[in-house]
N, C-alpha and C. Protein backbone atom coordinates (compact mmCIF):
# COMPACT_ATOMS: atom_id res chain seq x y z
N MET A 1 22.69 -3.06 -12.25
CA MET A 1 21.36 -3.32 -11.67
C MET A 1 20.58 -2.02 -11.55
N LYS A 2 19.28 -2.17 -11.62
CA LYS A 2 18.38 -1.03 -11.43
C LYS A 2 17.70 -1.19 -10.08
N ALA A 3 17.93 -0.23 -9.18
CA ALA A 3 17.40 -0.30 -7.83
C ALA A 3 16.14 0.54 -7.67
N LEU A 4 15.21 0.02 -6.87
CA LEU A 4 13.99 0.72 -6.52
C LEU A 4 13.96 0.84 -5.00
N VAL A 5 13.65 2.02 -4.48
CA VAL A 5 13.70 2.23 -3.04
C VAL A 5 12.41 2.83 -2.52
N ILE A 6 11.84 2.20 -1.48
CA ILE A 6 10.75 2.81 -0.73
C ILE A 6 11.27 3.06 0.69
N GLY A 7 10.84 4.17 1.25
CA GLY A 7 11.41 4.58 2.54
C GLY A 7 12.69 5.36 2.33
N ALA A 8 12.82 5.99 1.17
CA ALA A 8 14.06 6.67 0.78
C ALA A 8 14.35 7.94 1.56
N THR A 9 13.37 8.48 2.26
CA THR A 9 13.60 9.72 3.01
C THR A 9 13.75 9.46 4.51
N GLY A 10 13.70 8.19 4.91
CA GLY A 10 13.84 7.85 6.31
C GLY A 10 15.29 7.89 6.78
N SER A 11 15.50 7.61 8.05
CA SER A 11 16.83 7.73 8.63
C SER A 11 17.83 6.76 8.01
N THR A 12 17.39 5.57 7.63
CA THR A 12 18.27 4.62 6.94
C THR A 12 18.18 4.81 5.43
N GLY A 13 16.99 5.05 4.93
CA GLY A 13 16.78 5.18 3.49
C GLY A 13 17.60 6.28 2.85
N GLN A 14 17.76 7.40 3.55
CA GLN A 14 18.55 8.50 2.99
C GLN A 14 19.99 8.07 2.73
N PHE A 15 20.57 7.37 3.71
CA PHE A 15 21.94 6.89 3.55
C PHE A 15 22.01 5.80 2.48
N LEU A 16 20.99 4.97 2.42
CA LEU A 16 20.97 3.91 1.42
C LEU A 16 20.99 4.49 0.01
N VAL A 17 20.18 5.49 -0.24
CA VAL A 17 20.15 6.11 -1.56
C VAL A 17 21.53 6.63 -1.94
N ASP A 18 22.20 7.27 -0.99
CA ASP A 18 23.55 7.79 -1.26
C ASP A 18 24.52 6.65 -1.60
N GLU A 19 24.39 5.54 -0.87
CA GLU A 19 25.27 4.39 -1.11
C GLU A 19 25.01 3.79 -2.50
N LEU A 20 23.76 3.69 -2.87
CA LEU A 20 23.40 3.12 -4.17
C LEU A 20 23.88 4.01 -5.31
N LEU A 21 23.77 5.32 -5.12
CA LEU A 21 24.16 6.25 -6.17
C LEU A 21 25.67 6.21 -6.44
N LYS A 22 26.45 5.97 -5.42
CA LYS A 22 27.91 5.95 -5.62
C LYS A 22 28.44 4.55 -5.93
N ASN A 23 27.56 3.55 -5.90
CA ASN A 23 27.96 2.17 -6.18
C ASN A 23 27.83 1.89 -7.68
N SER A 24 28.93 1.52 -8.31
CA SER A 24 28.93 1.30 -9.75
C SER A 24 28.10 0.09 -10.19
N ASP A 25 27.70 -0.76 -9.24
CA ASP A 25 26.87 -1.91 -9.58
C ASP A 25 25.45 -1.50 -9.96
N TYR A 26 25.07 -0.26 -9.61
CA TYR A 26 23.71 0.21 -9.87
C TYR A 26 23.73 1.28 -10.97
N SER A 27 22.97 1.03 -12.03
CA SER A 27 22.92 1.97 -13.14
C SER A 27 21.91 3.08 -12.91
N THR A 28 20.80 2.75 -12.25
CA THR A 28 19.80 3.76 -11.89
C THR A 28 19.26 3.45 -10.49
N VAL A 29 18.81 4.50 -9.82
CA VAL A 29 18.22 4.37 -8.49
C VAL A 29 16.90 5.14 -8.51
N THR A 30 15.80 4.41 -8.47
CA THR A 30 14.48 5.03 -8.49
C THR A 30 13.92 5.08 -7.08
N ILE A 31 13.56 6.26 -6.62
CA ILE A 31 12.97 6.40 -5.29
C ILE A 31 11.51 6.81 -5.44
N PHE A 32 10.68 6.24 -4.57
CA PHE A 32 9.25 6.55 -4.56
C PHE A 32 8.96 7.37 -3.32
N VAL A 33 8.52 8.60 -3.52
CA VAL A 33 8.34 9.54 -2.41
C VAL A 33 7.02 10.28 -2.52
N ARG A 34 6.61 10.86 -1.39
CA ARG A 34 5.35 11.62 -1.37
C ARG A 34 5.52 13.03 -1.91
N ARG A 35 6.72 13.57 -1.75
CA ARG A 35 6.99 14.94 -2.22
C ARG A 35 8.43 15.02 -2.69
N ALA A 36 8.72 16.04 -3.47
CA ALA A 36 10.06 16.21 -4.04
C ALA A 36 11.11 16.33 -2.94
N THR A 37 12.23 15.66 -3.12
CA THR A 37 13.31 15.70 -2.13
C THR A 37 14.33 16.79 -2.42
N GLY A 38 14.40 17.23 -3.66
CA GLY A 38 15.39 18.22 -4.05
C GLY A 38 16.75 17.60 -4.35
N LYS A 39 16.83 16.29 -4.24
CA LYS A 39 18.10 15.59 -4.47
C LYS A 39 18.34 15.45 -5.97
N LYS A 40 19.58 15.68 -6.41
CA LYS A 40 19.92 15.60 -7.82
C LYS A 40 21.12 14.68 -8.02
N HIS A 41 21.03 13.81 -9.02
CA HIS A 41 22.14 12.93 -9.38
C HIS A 41 21.81 12.32 -10.74
N PRO A 42 22.81 12.13 -11.60
CA PRO A 42 22.54 11.56 -12.93
C PRO A 42 21.85 10.20 -12.90
N LYS A 43 22.10 9.42 -11.85
CA LYS A 43 21.52 8.07 -11.77
C LYS A 43 20.17 8.05 -11.06
N LEU A 44 19.80 9.18 -10.45
CA LEU A 44 18.59 9.21 -9.62
C LEU A 44 17.33 9.50 -10.42
N ILE A 45 16.30 8.68 -10.19
CA ILE A 45 14.97 8.90 -10.76
C ILE A 45 14.01 9.03 -9.60
N GLU A 46 13.36 10.16 -9.50
CA GLU A 46 12.45 10.43 -8.39
C GLU A 46 11.00 10.35 -8.88
N GLN A 47 10.26 9.43 -8.27
CA GLN A 47 8.84 9.27 -8.61
C GLN A 47 7.99 9.74 -7.43
N ILE A 48 7.25 10.82 -7.65
CA ILE A 48 6.37 11.34 -6.62
C ILE A 48 5.01 10.68 -6.79
N ILE A 49 4.58 9.92 -5.78
CA ILE A 49 3.36 9.13 -5.92
C ILE A 49 2.43 9.29 -4.73
N ASP A 50 1.22 8.83 -4.92
CA ASP A 50 0.22 8.76 -3.85
C ASP A 50 0.25 7.33 -3.32
N PHE A 51 0.78 7.15 -2.13
CA PHE A 51 0.96 5.81 -1.59
C PHE A 51 -0.35 5.11 -1.23
N SER A 52 -1.45 5.83 -1.28
CA SER A 52 -2.75 5.20 -1.03
C SER A 52 -3.32 4.60 -2.31
N ASN A 53 -2.65 4.85 -3.44
CA ASN A 53 -3.11 4.30 -4.73
C ASN A 53 -1.92 3.75 -5.50
N ILE A 54 -1.19 2.83 -4.90
CA ILE A 54 0.03 2.31 -5.49
C ILE A 54 -0.23 1.59 -6.81
N GLU A 55 -1.39 0.97 -6.94
CA GLU A 55 -1.74 0.25 -8.17
C GLU A 55 -1.60 1.14 -9.40
N ASN A 56 -1.85 2.43 -9.22
CA ASN A 56 -1.79 3.37 -10.35
C ASN A 56 -0.39 3.53 -10.91
N TYR A 57 0.60 3.09 -10.14
CA TYR A 57 1.99 3.32 -10.53
C TYR A 57 2.73 2.01 -10.85
N LYS A 58 1.97 0.98 -11.14
CA LYS A 58 2.57 -0.32 -11.40
C LYS A 58 3.64 -0.26 -12.49
N ASN A 59 3.38 0.52 -13.53
CA ASN A 59 4.32 0.58 -14.67
C ASN A 59 5.66 1.21 -14.29
N LEU A 60 5.73 1.84 -13.10
CA LEU A 60 6.97 2.47 -12.65
C LEU A 60 7.82 1.52 -11.79
N ILE A 61 7.19 0.46 -11.30
CA ILE A 61 7.89 -0.46 -10.39
C ILE A 61 8.59 -1.53 -11.21
N VAL A 62 9.60 -1.09 -11.94
CA VAL A 62 10.33 -1.96 -12.86
C VAL A 62 11.83 -1.81 -12.60
N GLY A 63 12.50 -2.93 -12.39
CA GLY A 63 13.93 -2.90 -12.13
C GLY A 63 14.43 -4.27 -11.74
N ASP A 64 15.54 -4.30 -11.02
CA ASP A 64 16.15 -5.57 -10.62
C ASP A 64 15.98 -5.88 -9.13
N VAL A 65 16.00 -4.86 -8.29
CA VAL A 65 15.92 -5.09 -6.85
C VAL A 65 15.14 -3.98 -6.17
N ILE A 66 14.25 -4.39 -5.27
CA ILE A 66 13.50 -3.44 -4.43
C ILE A 66 14.12 -3.44 -3.04
N PHE A 67 14.40 -2.24 -2.55
CA PHE A 67 14.83 -2.06 -1.17
C PHE A 67 13.69 -1.43 -0.39
N SER A 68 13.26 -2.08 0.68
CA SER A 68 12.19 -1.54 1.52
C SER A 68 12.75 -1.11 2.86
N CYS A 69 12.77 0.19 3.08
CA CYS A 69 13.25 0.75 4.36
C CYS A 69 12.12 1.48 5.09
N LEU A 70 10.90 1.18 4.73
CA LEU A 70 9.76 1.86 5.35
C LEU A 70 9.59 1.41 6.79
N GLY A 71 9.24 2.37 7.64
CA GLY A 71 8.98 2.04 9.03
C GLY A 71 8.60 3.30 9.78
N THR A 72 7.71 3.17 10.73
CA THR A 72 7.31 4.32 11.52
C THR A 72 7.02 3.85 12.95
N THR A 73 6.73 4.79 13.81
CA THR A 73 6.36 4.46 15.19
C THR A 73 4.87 4.66 15.37
N LEU A 74 4.33 4.05 16.39
CA LEU A 74 2.91 4.21 16.69
C LEU A 74 2.58 5.66 16.99
N LYS A 75 3.50 6.33 17.67
CA LYS A 75 3.30 7.74 18.01
C LYS A 75 3.19 8.59 16.75
N THR A 76 4.07 8.35 15.81
CA THR A 76 4.06 9.13 14.56
C THR A 76 2.86 8.78 13.70
N ALA A 77 2.53 7.50 13.63
CA ALA A 77 1.41 7.05 12.80
C ALA A 77 0.07 7.49 13.37
N GLY A 78 -0.03 7.56 14.69
CA GLY A 78 -1.27 8.00 15.31
C GLY A 78 -2.22 6.89 15.69
N SER A 79 -2.08 5.73 15.07
CA SER A 79 -2.93 4.59 15.39
C SER A 79 -2.28 3.32 14.85
N LYS A 80 -2.69 2.18 15.40
CA LYS A 80 -2.15 0.90 14.92
C LYS A 80 -2.55 0.67 13.46
N GLU A 81 -3.74 1.12 13.11
CA GLU A 81 -4.22 0.95 11.74
C GLU A 81 -3.30 1.68 10.76
N ASN A 82 -2.97 2.93 11.08
CA ASN A 82 -2.10 3.71 10.20
C ASN A 82 -0.69 3.15 10.17
N GLN A 83 -0.22 2.67 11.32
CA GLN A 83 1.12 2.09 11.36
C GLN A 83 1.20 0.85 10.47
N LYS A 84 0.16 0.04 10.50
CA LYS A 84 0.17 -1.16 9.68
C LYS A 84 0.12 -0.82 8.19
N LYS A 85 -0.59 0.25 7.83
CA LYS A 85 -0.64 0.66 6.43
C LYS A 85 0.76 0.99 5.92
N ILE A 86 1.54 1.66 6.78
CA ILE A 86 2.89 2.07 6.38
C ILE A 86 3.88 0.91 6.44
N ASP A 87 3.87 0.19 7.55
CA ASP A 87 4.87 -0.85 7.79
C ASP A 87 4.55 -2.18 7.09
N PHE A 88 3.31 -2.39 6.71
CA PHE A 88 2.92 -3.67 6.11
C PHE A 88 2.31 -3.50 4.72
N ASP A 89 1.23 -2.75 4.63
CA ASP A 89 0.47 -2.68 3.38
C ASP A 89 1.29 -2.14 2.21
N ILE A 90 2.03 -1.06 2.43
CA ILE A 90 2.79 -0.45 1.34
C ILE A 90 3.91 -1.36 0.83
N PRO A 91 4.76 -1.92 1.73
CA PRO A 91 5.79 -2.83 1.22
C PRO A 91 5.21 -4.04 0.50
N VAL A 92 4.09 -4.58 1.00
CA VAL A 92 3.47 -5.73 0.36
C VAL A 92 2.99 -5.37 -1.05
N ALA A 93 2.39 -4.20 -1.19
CA ALA A 93 1.91 -3.77 -2.51
C ALA A 93 3.07 -3.63 -3.49
N PHE A 94 4.16 -3.03 -3.05
CA PHE A 94 5.33 -2.88 -3.92
C PHE A 94 5.92 -4.24 -4.27
N ALA A 95 5.97 -5.13 -3.31
CA ALA A 95 6.52 -6.46 -3.56
C ALA A 95 5.68 -7.20 -4.60
N ARG A 96 4.38 -7.15 -4.44
CA ARG A 96 3.49 -7.86 -5.36
C ARG A 96 3.60 -7.31 -6.78
N LEU A 97 3.54 -5.98 -6.90
CA LEU A 97 3.60 -5.37 -8.22
C LEU A 97 4.97 -5.54 -8.85
N GLY A 98 6.02 -5.46 -8.01
CA GLY A 98 7.36 -5.66 -8.52
C GLY A 98 7.55 -7.07 -9.04
N LYS A 99 7.05 -8.03 -8.30
CA LYS A 99 7.15 -9.42 -8.74
C LYS A 99 6.42 -9.62 -10.05
N GLU A 100 5.24 -9.04 -10.17
CA GLU A 100 4.48 -9.15 -11.42
C GLU A 100 5.23 -8.52 -12.59
N ASN A 101 6.06 -7.52 -12.30
CA ASN A 101 6.82 -6.84 -13.34
C ASN A 101 8.20 -7.45 -13.58
N GLY A 102 8.49 -8.55 -12.90
CA GLY A 102 9.75 -9.24 -13.15
C GLY A 102 10.92 -8.84 -12.29
N VAL A 103 10.70 -8.06 -11.23
CA VAL A 103 11.79 -7.75 -10.30
C VAL A 103 12.23 -9.05 -9.64
N SER A 104 13.53 -9.28 -9.59
CA SER A 104 14.02 -10.58 -9.12
C SER A 104 14.49 -10.60 -7.66
N SER A 105 14.83 -9.42 -7.11
CA SER A 105 15.36 -9.38 -5.74
C SER A 105 14.58 -8.41 -4.86
N PHE A 106 14.49 -8.77 -3.58
CA PHE A 106 13.82 -7.90 -2.62
C PHE A 106 14.66 -7.88 -1.35
N VAL A 107 15.02 -6.67 -0.91
CA VAL A 107 15.79 -6.50 0.33
C VAL A 107 14.91 -5.78 1.33
N LEU A 108 14.64 -6.44 2.44
CA LEU A 108 13.73 -5.91 3.45
C LEU A 108 14.48 -5.51 4.72
N LEU A 109 14.28 -4.28 5.15
CA LEU A 109 14.78 -3.85 6.45
C LEU A 109 13.70 -4.15 7.47
N SER A 110 13.92 -5.18 8.26
CA SER A 110 12.96 -5.59 9.27
C SER A 110 13.48 -5.15 10.65
N ALA A 111 13.36 -6.00 11.65
CA ALA A 111 13.81 -5.62 12.99
C ALA A 111 14.09 -6.85 13.84
N TYR A 112 14.99 -6.70 14.77
CA TYR A 112 15.28 -7.77 15.71
C TYR A 112 14.00 -8.14 16.48
N GLY A 113 13.75 -9.42 16.60
CA GLY A 113 12.58 -9.87 17.34
C GLY A 113 11.30 -9.92 16.54
N ALA A 114 11.39 -9.58 15.25
CA ALA A 114 10.19 -9.61 14.40
C ALA A 114 9.65 -11.04 14.32
N SER A 115 8.37 -11.18 14.58
CA SER A 115 7.73 -12.50 14.53
C SER A 115 6.22 -12.32 14.45
N ALA A 116 5.62 -13.05 13.54
CA ALA A 116 4.16 -12.97 13.40
C ALA A 116 3.46 -13.43 14.67
N LYS A 117 4.16 -14.17 15.52
CA LYS A 117 3.58 -14.68 16.76
C LYS A 117 3.85 -13.78 17.96
N SER A 118 4.55 -12.69 17.74
CA SER A 118 4.90 -11.79 18.85
C SER A 118 3.67 -11.14 19.47
N LYS A 119 3.75 -10.88 20.75
CA LYS A 119 2.68 -10.16 21.46
C LYS A 119 2.84 -8.66 21.30
N VAL A 120 4.01 -8.23 20.83
CA VAL A 120 4.30 -6.81 20.62
C VAL A 120 3.84 -6.43 19.22
N PHE A 121 2.98 -5.44 19.11
CA PHE A 121 2.37 -5.09 17.83
C PHE A 121 3.40 -4.81 16.75
N TYR A 122 4.40 -3.99 17.04
CA TYR A 122 5.42 -3.64 16.05
C TYR A 122 6.15 -4.88 15.56
N SER A 123 6.58 -5.71 16.48
CA SER A 123 7.30 -6.93 16.12
C SER A 123 6.40 -7.88 15.33
N GLN A 124 5.13 -7.89 15.69
CA GLN A 124 4.18 -8.77 15.01
C GLN A 124 4.00 -8.39 13.55
N ILE A 125 3.79 -7.10 13.27
CA ILE A 125 3.56 -6.70 11.88
C ILE A 125 4.83 -6.84 11.04
N LYS A 126 5.99 -6.64 11.67
CA LYS A 126 7.24 -6.86 10.95
C LYS A 126 7.40 -8.34 10.60
N GLY A 127 7.03 -9.20 11.54
CA GLY A 127 7.09 -10.64 11.28
C GLY A 127 6.11 -11.06 10.21
N GLU A 128 4.91 -10.51 10.26
CA GLU A 128 3.91 -10.82 9.24
C GLU A 128 4.38 -10.36 7.86
N LEU A 129 5.07 -9.21 7.84
CA LEU A 129 5.59 -8.68 6.58
C LEU A 129 6.65 -9.61 6.00
N GLU A 130 7.56 -10.08 6.85
CA GLU A 130 8.59 -11.01 6.39
C GLU A 130 7.96 -12.23 5.72
N GLU A 131 6.94 -12.77 6.38
CA GLU A 131 6.29 -13.98 5.86
C GLU A 131 5.51 -13.71 4.58
N LYS A 132 4.84 -12.56 4.52
CA LYS A 132 4.03 -12.25 3.35
C LYS A 132 4.90 -12.06 2.11
N ILE A 133 6.00 -11.34 2.26
CA ILE A 133 6.87 -11.12 1.10
C ILE A 133 7.51 -12.43 0.65
N ALA A 134 7.76 -13.33 1.58
CA ALA A 134 8.32 -14.64 1.23
C ALA A 134 7.39 -15.39 0.28
N GLU A 135 6.08 -15.14 0.40
CA GLU A 135 5.10 -15.83 -0.44
C GLU A 135 5.22 -15.46 -1.91
N PHE A 136 5.86 -14.34 -2.22
CA PHE A 136 5.99 -13.92 -3.62
C PHE A 136 7.13 -14.64 -4.34
N ASN A 137 7.93 -15.36 -3.58
CA ASN A 137 9.00 -16.20 -4.16
C ASN A 137 9.94 -15.42 -5.09
N PHE A 138 10.51 -14.35 -4.57
CA PHE A 138 11.53 -13.64 -5.33
C PHE A 138 12.74 -14.56 -5.50
N ASP A 139 13.45 -14.40 -6.58
CA ASP A 139 14.65 -15.21 -6.80
C ASP A 139 15.65 -15.02 -5.66
N GLN A 140 15.70 -13.80 -5.15
CA GLN A 140 16.58 -13.47 -4.03
C GLN A 140 15.80 -12.62 -3.03
N TYR A 141 15.78 -13.09 -1.79
CA TYR A 141 15.04 -12.39 -0.74
C TYR A 141 15.96 -12.25 0.47
N ILE A 142 16.28 -11.01 0.82
CA ILE A 142 17.23 -10.73 1.90
C ILE A 142 16.54 -9.93 3.00
N ILE A 143 16.64 -10.42 4.23
CA ILE A 143 16.03 -9.75 5.38
C ILE A 143 17.12 -9.32 6.35
N PHE A 144 17.17 -8.03 6.65
CA PHE A 144 18.06 -7.51 7.68
C PHE A 144 17.25 -7.29 8.95
N LYS A 145 17.79 -7.78 10.08
CA LYS A 145 17.07 -7.67 11.35
C LYS A 145 17.95 -6.99 12.39
N PRO A 146 18.15 -5.66 12.26
CA PRO A 146 18.99 -4.94 13.21
C PRO A 146 18.29 -4.71 14.54
N GLY A 147 19.09 -4.39 15.54
CA GLY A 147 18.54 -4.03 16.85
C GLY A 147 18.38 -2.52 16.92
N LEU A 148 18.91 -1.92 17.99
CA LEU A 148 18.79 -0.48 18.17
C LEU A 148 19.60 0.26 17.12
N LEU A 149 18.98 1.21 16.45
CA LEU A 149 19.65 2.01 15.44
C LEU A 149 20.03 3.37 15.99
N LEU A 150 21.22 3.83 15.63
CA LEU A 150 21.66 5.17 15.99
C LEU A 150 21.33 6.08 14.82
N ARG A 151 20.32 6.91 15.01
CA ARG A 151 19.85 7.79 13.95
C ARG A 151 20.38 9.20 14.19
N ALA A 152 20.99 9.78 13.18
CA ALA A 152 21.51 11.14 13.29
C ALA A 152 20.38 12.12 13.55
N GLY A 153 20.52 12.93 14.59
CA GLY A 153 19.52 13.95 14.89
C GLY A 153 18.19 13.42 15.36
N THR A 154 18.14 12.20 15.90
CA THR A 154 16.87 11.64 16.34
C THR A 154 16.25 12.44 17.47
N ASP A 155 14.92 12.49 17.48
CA ASP A 155 14.21 13.16 18.57
C ASP A 155 13.52 12.13 19.46
N ARG A 156 13.89 10.86 19.27
CA ARG A 156 13.31 9.79 20.09
C ARG A 156 14.12 9.67 21.37
N PHE A 157 13.60 10.23 22.44
CA PHE A 157 14.34 10.32 23.71
C PHE A 157 14.73 8.95 24.23
N GLY A 158 13.77 8.00 24.21
CA GLY A 158 14.04 6.66 24.72
C GLY A 158 15.14 5.98 23.94
N GLU A 159 15.16 6.23 22.64
CA GLU A 159 16.17 5.64 21.77
C GLU A 159 17.56 6.18 22.12
N LYS A 160 17.62 7.48 22.40
CA LYS A 160 18.90 8.09 22.76
C LYS A 160 19.43 7.49 24.06
N ILE A 161 18.55 7.38 25.05
CA ILE A 161 18.96 6.86 26.35
C ILE A 161 19.44 5.41 26.22
N MET A 162 18.68 4.60 25.51
CA MET A 162 19.06 3.20 25.35
C MET A 162 20.38 3.07 24.59
N GLY A 163 20.58 3.95 23.62
CA GLY A 163 21.82 3.93 22.87
C GLY A 163 23.02 4.21 23.77
N HIS A 164 22.87 5.19 24.66
CA HIS A 164 23.96 5.52 25.59
C HIS A 164 24.22 4.36 26.56
N ILE A 165 23.15 3.73 27.01
CA ILE A 165 23.30 2.61 27.95
C ILE A 165 24.02 1.44 27.30
N LEU A 166 23.60 1.10 26.08
CA LEU A 166 24.23 -0.02 25.38
C LEU A 166 25.70 0.27 25.06
N GLN A 167 25.98 1.50 24.68
CA GLN A 167 27.37 1.86 24.38
C GLN A 167 28.23 1.76 25.63
N LEU A 168 27.66 2.10 26.79
CA LEU A 168 28.39 1.98 28.05
C LEU A 168 28.69 0.52 28.35
N PHE A 169 27.68 -0.33 28.21
CA PHE A 169 27.89 -1.76 28.44
C PHE A 169 28.91 -2.33 27.46
N ASN A 170 28.81 -1.92 26.19
CA ASN A 170 29.74 -2.40 25.17
C ASN A 170 31.18 -2.03 25.50
N SER A 171 31.36 -0.84 26.10
CA SER A 171 32.71 -0.36 26.41
C SER A 171 33.40 -1.20 27.47
N ILE A 172 32.61 -1.93 28.27
CA ILE A 172 33.20 -2.80 29.29
C ILE A 172 33.02 -4.28 28.92
N GLY A 173 32.73 -4.50 27.64
CA GLY A 173 32.69 -5.86 27.12
C GLY A 173 31.39 -6.60 27.31
N LEU A 174 30.31 -5.90 27.64
CA LEU A 174 29.03 -6.55 27.88
C LEU A 174 28.04 -6.26 26.76
N MET A 175 27.13 -7.21 26.54
CA MET A 175 26.01 -7.05 25.60
C MET A 175 26.46 -6.64 24.20
N LYS A 176 27.60 -7.20 23.75
CA LYS A 176 28.13 -6.82 22.44
C LYS A 176 27.20 -7.24 21.30
N LYS A 177 26.42 -8.29 21.55
CA LYS A 177 25.46 -8.73 20.53
C LYS A 177 24.47 -7.62 20.19
N PHE A 178 24.20 -6.75 21.18
CA PHE A 178 23.20 -5.70 21.00
C PHE A 178 23.84 -4.34 20.76
N LYS A 179 25.03 -4.34 20.18
CA LYS A 179 25.73 -3.10 19.89
C LYS A 179 24.88 -2.21 18.99
N PRO A 180 24.66 -0.94 19.38
CA PRO A 180 23.85 -0.04 18.55
C PRO A 180 24.47 0.11 17.17
N LEU A 181 23.62 0.21 16.16
CA LEU A 181 24.07 0.24 14.77
C LEU A 181 23.74 1.59 14.12
N PRO A 182 24.75 2.34 13.71
CA PRO A 182 24.48 3.60 13.00
C PRO A 182 23.75 3.31 11.69
N THR A 183 22.78 4.13 11.37
CA THR A 183 22.01 3.89 10.14
C THR A 183 22.89 4.02 8.90
N SER A 184 23.95 4.79 8.97
CA SER A 184 24.86 4.93 7.84
C SER A 184 25.58 3.60 7.55
N VAL A 185 25.95 2.89 8.62
CA VAL A 185 26.61 1.60 8.46
C VAL A 185 25.62 0.56 7.92
N LEU A 186 24.42 0.58 8.46
CA LEU A 186 23.38 -0.33 7.98
C LEU A 186 23.14 -0.13 6.49
N ALA A 187 23.10 1.11 6.06
CA ALA A 187 22.87 1.41 4.64
C ALA A 187 23.95 0.82 3.76
N GLU A 188 25.19 0.87 4.22
CA GLU A 188 26.30 0.30 3.45
C GLU A 188 26.08 -1.20 3.23
N LYS A 189 25.64 -1.88 4.29
CA LYS A 189 25.42 -3.33 4.20
C LYS A 189 24.24 -3.66 3.29
N LEU A 190 23.19 -2.87 3.39
CA LEU A 190 22.02 -3.09 2.53
C LEU A 190 22.39 -2.98 1.06
N ALA A 191 23.18 -1.96 0.75
CA ALA A 191 23.51 -1.69 -0.66
C ALA A 191 24.30 -2.81 -1.32
N ILE A 192 25.20 -3.43 -0.58
CA ILE A 192 26.05 -4.47 -1.19
C ILE A 192 25.42 -5.86 -1.15
N ALA A 193 24.37 -6.03 -0.35
CA ALA A 193 23.78 -7.36 -0.14
C ALA A 193 23.36 -8.08 -1.43
N PRO A 194 22.63 -7.44 -2.34
CA PRO A 194 22.18 -8.18 -3.54
C PRO A 194 23.33 -8.68 -4.41
N LYS A 195 24.45 -7.98 -4.36
CA LYS A 195 25.58 -8.34 -5.21
C LYS A 195 26.36 -9.52 -4.63
N ILE A 196 26.49 -9.58 -3.31
CA ILE A 196 27.38 -10.59 -2.73
C ILE A 196 26.67 -11.81 -2.16
N LEU A 197 25.35 -11.72 -2.00
CA LEU A 197 24.63 -12.87 -1.45
C LEU A 197 24.03 -13.73 -2.57
N PRO A 198 23.85 -15.02 -2.31
CA PRO A 198 23.32 -15.92 -3.34
C PRO A 198 21.82 -15.76 -3.51
N LYS A 199 21.28 -16.43 -4.50
CA LYS A 199 19.84 -16.47 -4.68
C LYS A 199 19.21 -17.25 -3.54
N GLY A 200 17.89 -17.14 -3.40
CA GLY A 200 17.22 -17.78 -2.28
C GLY A 200 17.02 -16.78 -1.16
N SER A 201 16.65 -17.28 0.00
CA SER A 201 16.37 -16.43 1.16
C SER A 201 17.55 -16.38 2.11
N THR A 202 17.87 -15.17 2.56
CA THR A 202 18.95 -14.97 3.53
C THR A 202 18.49 -14.02 4.61
N ILE A 203 18.72 -14.39 5.85
CA ILE A 203 18.38 -13.52 6.99
C ILE A 203 19.68 -13.09 7.65
N ILE A 204 19.87 -11.79 7.79
CA ILE A 204 21.05 -11.23 8.44
C ILE A 204 20.62 -10.73 9.82
N GLU A 205 21.00 -11.46 10.87
CA GLU A 205 20.62 -11.10 12.23
C GLU A 205 21.48 -9.95 12.76
N LEU A 206 21.04 -9.33 13.85
CA LEU A 206 21.70 -8.13 14.34
C LEU A 206 23.16 -8.35 14.69
N ASP A 207 23.52 -9.54 15.17
CA ASP A 207 24.92 -9.78 15.55
C ASP A 207 25.79 -10.14 14.35
N GLU A 208 25.20 -10.21 13.15
CA GLU A 208 25.94 -10.54 11.94
C GLU A 208 26.17 -9.32 11.06
N ILE A 209 25.42 -8.25 11.30
CA ILE A 209 25.44 -7.10 10.39
C ILE A 209 26.81 -6.42 10.36
N PHE A 210 27.45 -6.22 11.51
CA PHE A 210 28.71 -5.51 11.54
C PHE A 210 29.80 -6.26 10.76
N SER A 211 29.76 -7.58 10.78
CA SER A 211 30.79 -8.36 10.10
C SER A 211 30.40 -8.73 8.67
N PHE A 212 29.22 -8.32 8.25
CA PHE A 212 28.73 -8.66 6.92
C PHE A 212 29.37 -7.74 5.87
N ASP A 213 30.09 -8.34 4.93
CA ASP A 213 30.65 -7.56 3.81
C ASP A 213 31.04 -8.51 2.67
């Protein structure tokens, strides 16, 4: 399979790229990035693009499966408008162009609680994204909906605190459904999903990810 990855430099995307490169099921791994990563591998193809003009790169969005790991915070984006451009507009553009080019599978990293009807902006745009990509009718559409992610070297203070709290509860047998998920483990599950799951739509909820293999 030929894999295409957006969000390849993020906390999950970095691990995903490594997993795809060492997985013999993938012959090439194309990443779309804003600037050179410096990463080298015989199977790796790095496309440096302007994400505000994705249409210009349609001829590059060719392969078997698109992995979307794009995501940001409101604080980092600076505004809801910018956050939606990153979390919604870019994945939708890649999905549409990929579908037009014959890509058959799409793997979306979404989030627990994502719903177009949510009152929470982040959850709302993630839910809208899930629904929009479904409209393209990929032969295989896989949605991962993890809860709290454990990111190596994160500077998100609230995330660190919540991670410690959940781990404490988990240690005494409580709230196991909400067990924090290391991004490295999530990446492993994302990489194998297209190979082991059937065609059609599949949603992997947060309490299913650890046992998914």
